[in-house]
Amino acid sequence: MTDFVLPTLAALIGVLAGYGATTLYHRRRARDQDTDVRLLRGRDTDRINALRSRLAEKEAAQGVLASATDTIDAAYARLTARSQEGGPTP
């Protein structure tokens, strides 16, 4: 009877040890993947924020250029209106 019990116990211990090792491996792997995802999302958030700030800077610069263009257009319109009327030009 002991010839049958000892190999069976050894096999059960081996199966349990393998199950435990596999469970630990998968838990660590899942934790590492979660960490990787968090790091990637953090990097993506940083990149998105950098792009947003650059876009805001470009929009501000475009606003300044539009204002300057409007001022130049208005001055040119006044200048051409005076010259067409035959008045003195500055």
C-alpha atoms as a PDB file:
ATOM      1  CA  MET A   1       0.000   0.000   0.000  1.00  0.00           C
ATOM      2  CA  THR A   2       2.853   2.399   0.713  1.00  0.00           C
ATOM      3  CA  ASP A   3       4.156   1.809  -2.775  1.00  0.00           C
ATOM      4  CA  PHE A   4       1.023   3.477  -4.153  1.00  0.00           C
ATOM      5  CA  VAL A   5       0.651   6.283  -1.555  1.00  0.00           C
ATOM      6  CA  LEU A   6       4.123   7.806  -1.769  1.00  0.00           C
ATOM      7  CA  PRO A   7       4.168   8.349  -5.552  1.00  0.00           C
ATOM      8  CA  THR A   8       0.613   9.713  -5.405  1.00  0.00           C
ATOM      9  CA  LEU A   9       1.557  12.206  -2.674  1.00  0.00           C
ATOM     10  CA  ALA A  10       4.679  13.206  -4.575  1.00  0.00           C
ATOM     11  CA  ALA A  11       2.611  13.784  -7.716  1.00  0.00           C
ATOM     12  CA  LEU A  12       0.039  15.847  -5.802  1.00  0.00           C
ATOM     13  CA  ILE A  13       2.787  17.929  -4.198  1.00  0.00           C
ATOM     14  CA  GLY A  14       4.324  18.477  -7.614  1.00  0.00           C
ATOM     15  CA  VAL A  15       1.000  19.536  -9.105  1.00  0.00           C
ATOM     16  CA  LEU A  16       0.330  21.932  -6.215  1.00  0.00           C
ATOM     17  CA  ALA A  17       3.831  23.388  -6.469  1.00  0.00           C
ATOM     18  CA  GLY A  18       3.410  23.867 -10.208  1.00  0.00           C
ATOM     19  CA  TYR A  19       0.020  25.496  -9.708  1.00  0.00           C
ATOM     20  CA  GLY A  20       1.432  27.843  -7.081  1.00  0.00           C
ATOM     21  CA  ALA A  21       4.396  28.792  -9.244  1.00  0.00           C
ATOM     22  CA  THR A  22       2.147  29.377 -12.255  1.00  0.00           C
ATOM     23  CA  THR A  23      -0.242  31.499 -10.203  1.00  0.00           C
ATOM     24  CA  LEU A  24       2.633  33.629  -8.887  1.00  0.00           C
ATOM     25  CA  TYR A  25       4.029  34.024 -12.394  1.00  0.00           C
ATOM     26  CA  HIS A  26       0.712  35.160 -13.843  1.00  0.00           C
ATOM     27  CA  ARG A  27       0.034  37.548 -10.964  1.00  0.00           C
ATOM     28  CA  ARG A  28       3.465  39.145 -11.361  1.00  0.00           C
ATOM     29  CA  ARG A  29       3.014  39.329 -15.103  1.00  0.00           C
ATOM     30  CA  ALA A  30      -0.397  40.993 -14.731  1.00  0.00           C
ATOM     31  CA  ARG A  31       1.029  43.444 -12.185  1.00  0.00           C
ATOM     32  CA  ASP A  32       3.942  44.266 -14.472  1.00  0.00           C
ATOM     33  CA  GLN A  33       1.565  44.772 -17.401  1.00  0.00           C
ATOM     34  CA  ASP A  34      -0.584  47.088 -15.287  1.00  0.00           C
ATOM     35  CA  THR A  35       2.519  49.048 -14.355  1.00  0.00           C
ATOM     36  CA  ASP A  36       3.559  49.271 -17.997  1.00  0.00           C
ATOM     37  CA  VAL A  37       0.117  50.487 -18.997  1.00  0.00           C
ATOM     38  CA  ARG A  38       0.163  53.148 -16.280  1.00  0.00           C
ATOM     39  CA  LEU A  39       3.604  54.325 -17.380  1.00  0.00           C
ATOM     40  CA  LEU A  40       2.549  54.474 -21.028  1.00  0.00           C
ATOM     41  CA  ARG A  41      -0.615  56.359 -20.159  1.00  0.00           C
ATOM     42  CA  GLY A  42       1.427  58.772 -18.079  1.00  0.00           C
ATOM     43  CA  ARG A  43       3.770  59.367 -20.999  1.00  0.00           C
ATOM     44  CA  ASP A  44       0.809  59.798 -23.329  1.00  0.00           C
ATOM     45  CA  THR A  45      -0.727  62.316 -20.941  1.00  0.00           C
ATOM     46  CA  ASP A  46       2.542  64.241 -20.848  1.00  0.00           C
ATOM     47  CA  ARG A  47       2.749  64.225 -24.646  1.00  0.00           C
ATOM     48  CA  ILE A  48      -0.863  65.312 -24.991  1.00  0.00           C
ATOM     49  CA  ASN A  49      -0.336  68.165 -22.532  1.00  0.00           C
ATOM     50  CA  ALA A  50       2.789  69.260 -24.418  1.00  0.00           C
ATOM     51  CA  LEU A  51       0.883  69.216 -27.713  1.00  0.00           C
ATOM     52  CA  ARG A  52      -1.964  71.187 -26.168  1.00  0.00           C
ATOM     53  CA  SER A  53       0.414  73.860 -24.889  1.00  0.00           C
ATOM     54  CA  ARG A  54       2.117  74.098 -28.288  1.00  0.00           C
ATOM     55  CA  LEU A  55      -1.292  74.395 -29.950  1.00  0.00           C
ATOM     56  CA  ALA A  56      -2.265  77.156 -27.528  1.00  0.00           C
ATOM     57  CA  GLU A  57       0.980  78.991 -28.324  1.00  0.00           C
ATOM     58  CA  LYS A  58       0.308  78.698 -32.063  1.00  0.00           C
ATOM     59  CA  GLU A  59      -3.260  79.899 -31.633  1.00  0.00           C
ATOM     60  CA  ALA A  60      -2.020  82.892 -29.635  1.00  0.00           C
ATOM     61  CA  ALA A  61       0.561  83.672 -32.326  1.00  0.00           C
ATOM     62  CA  GLN A  62      -2.105  83.379 -35.018  1.00  0.00           C
ATOM     63  CA  GLY A  63      -4.290  85.762 -33.038  1.00  0.00           C
ATOM     64  CA  VAL A  64      -1.474  88.313 -32.887  1.00  0.00           C
ATOM     65  CA  LEU A  65      -0.824  87.915 -36.614  1.00  0.00           C
ATOM     66  CA  ALA A  66      -4.526  88.308 -37.406  1.00  0.00           C
ATOM     67  CA  SER A  67      -4.684  91.473 -35.306  1.00  0.00           C
ATOM     68  CA  ALA A  68      -1.581  92.874 -37.003  1.00  0.00           C
ATOM     69  CA  THR A  69      -2.974  92.010 -40.427  1.00  0.00           C
ATOM     70  CA  ASP A  70      -6.255  93.734 -39.597  1.00  0.00           C
ATOM     71  CA  THR A  71      -4.376  96.857 -38.473  1.00  0.00           C
ATOM     72  CA  ILE A  72      -2.280  96.903 -41.657  1.00  0.00           C
ATOM     73  CA  ASP A  73      -5.358  96.334 -43.828  1.00  0.00           C
ATOM     74  CA  ALA A  74      -7.200  99.174 -42.099  1.00  0.00           C
ATOM     75  CA  ALA A  75      -4.229 101.525 -42.528  1.00  0.00           C
ATOM     76  CA  TYR A  76      -3.885 100.573 -46.195  1.00  0.00           C
ATOM     77  CA  ALA A  77      -7.613 101.102 -46.738  1.00  0.00           C
ATOM     78  CA  ARG A  78      -7.377 104.571 -45.198  1.00  0.00           C
ATOM     79  CA  LEU A  79      -4.345 105.376 -47.321  1.00  0.00           C
ATOM     80  CA  THR A  80      -5.968 104.267 -50.582  1.00  0.00           C
ATOM     81  CA  ALA A  81      -9.208 106.040 -49.687  1.00  0.00           C
ATOM     82  CA  ARG A  82      -7.351 109.330 -49.184  1.00  0.00           C
ATOM     83  CA  SER A  83      -5.382 108.967 -52.380  1.00  0.00           C
ATOM     84  CA  GLN A  84      -8.552 108.212 -54.364  1.00  0.00           C
ATOM     85  CA  GLU A  85     -10.255 111.262 -52.940  1.00  0.00           C
ATOM     86  CA  GLY A  86      -7.382 113.398 -54.093  1.00  0.00           C
ATOM     87  CA  GLY A  87      -6.446 114.430 -50.581  1.00  0.00           C
ATOM     88  CA  PRO A  88      -2.947 114.592 -49.161  1.00  0.00           C
ATOM     89  CA  THR A  89      -1.300 111.312 -48.340  1.00  0.00           C
ATOM     90  CA  PRO A  90       0.808 111.067 -45.218  1.00  0.00           C
END
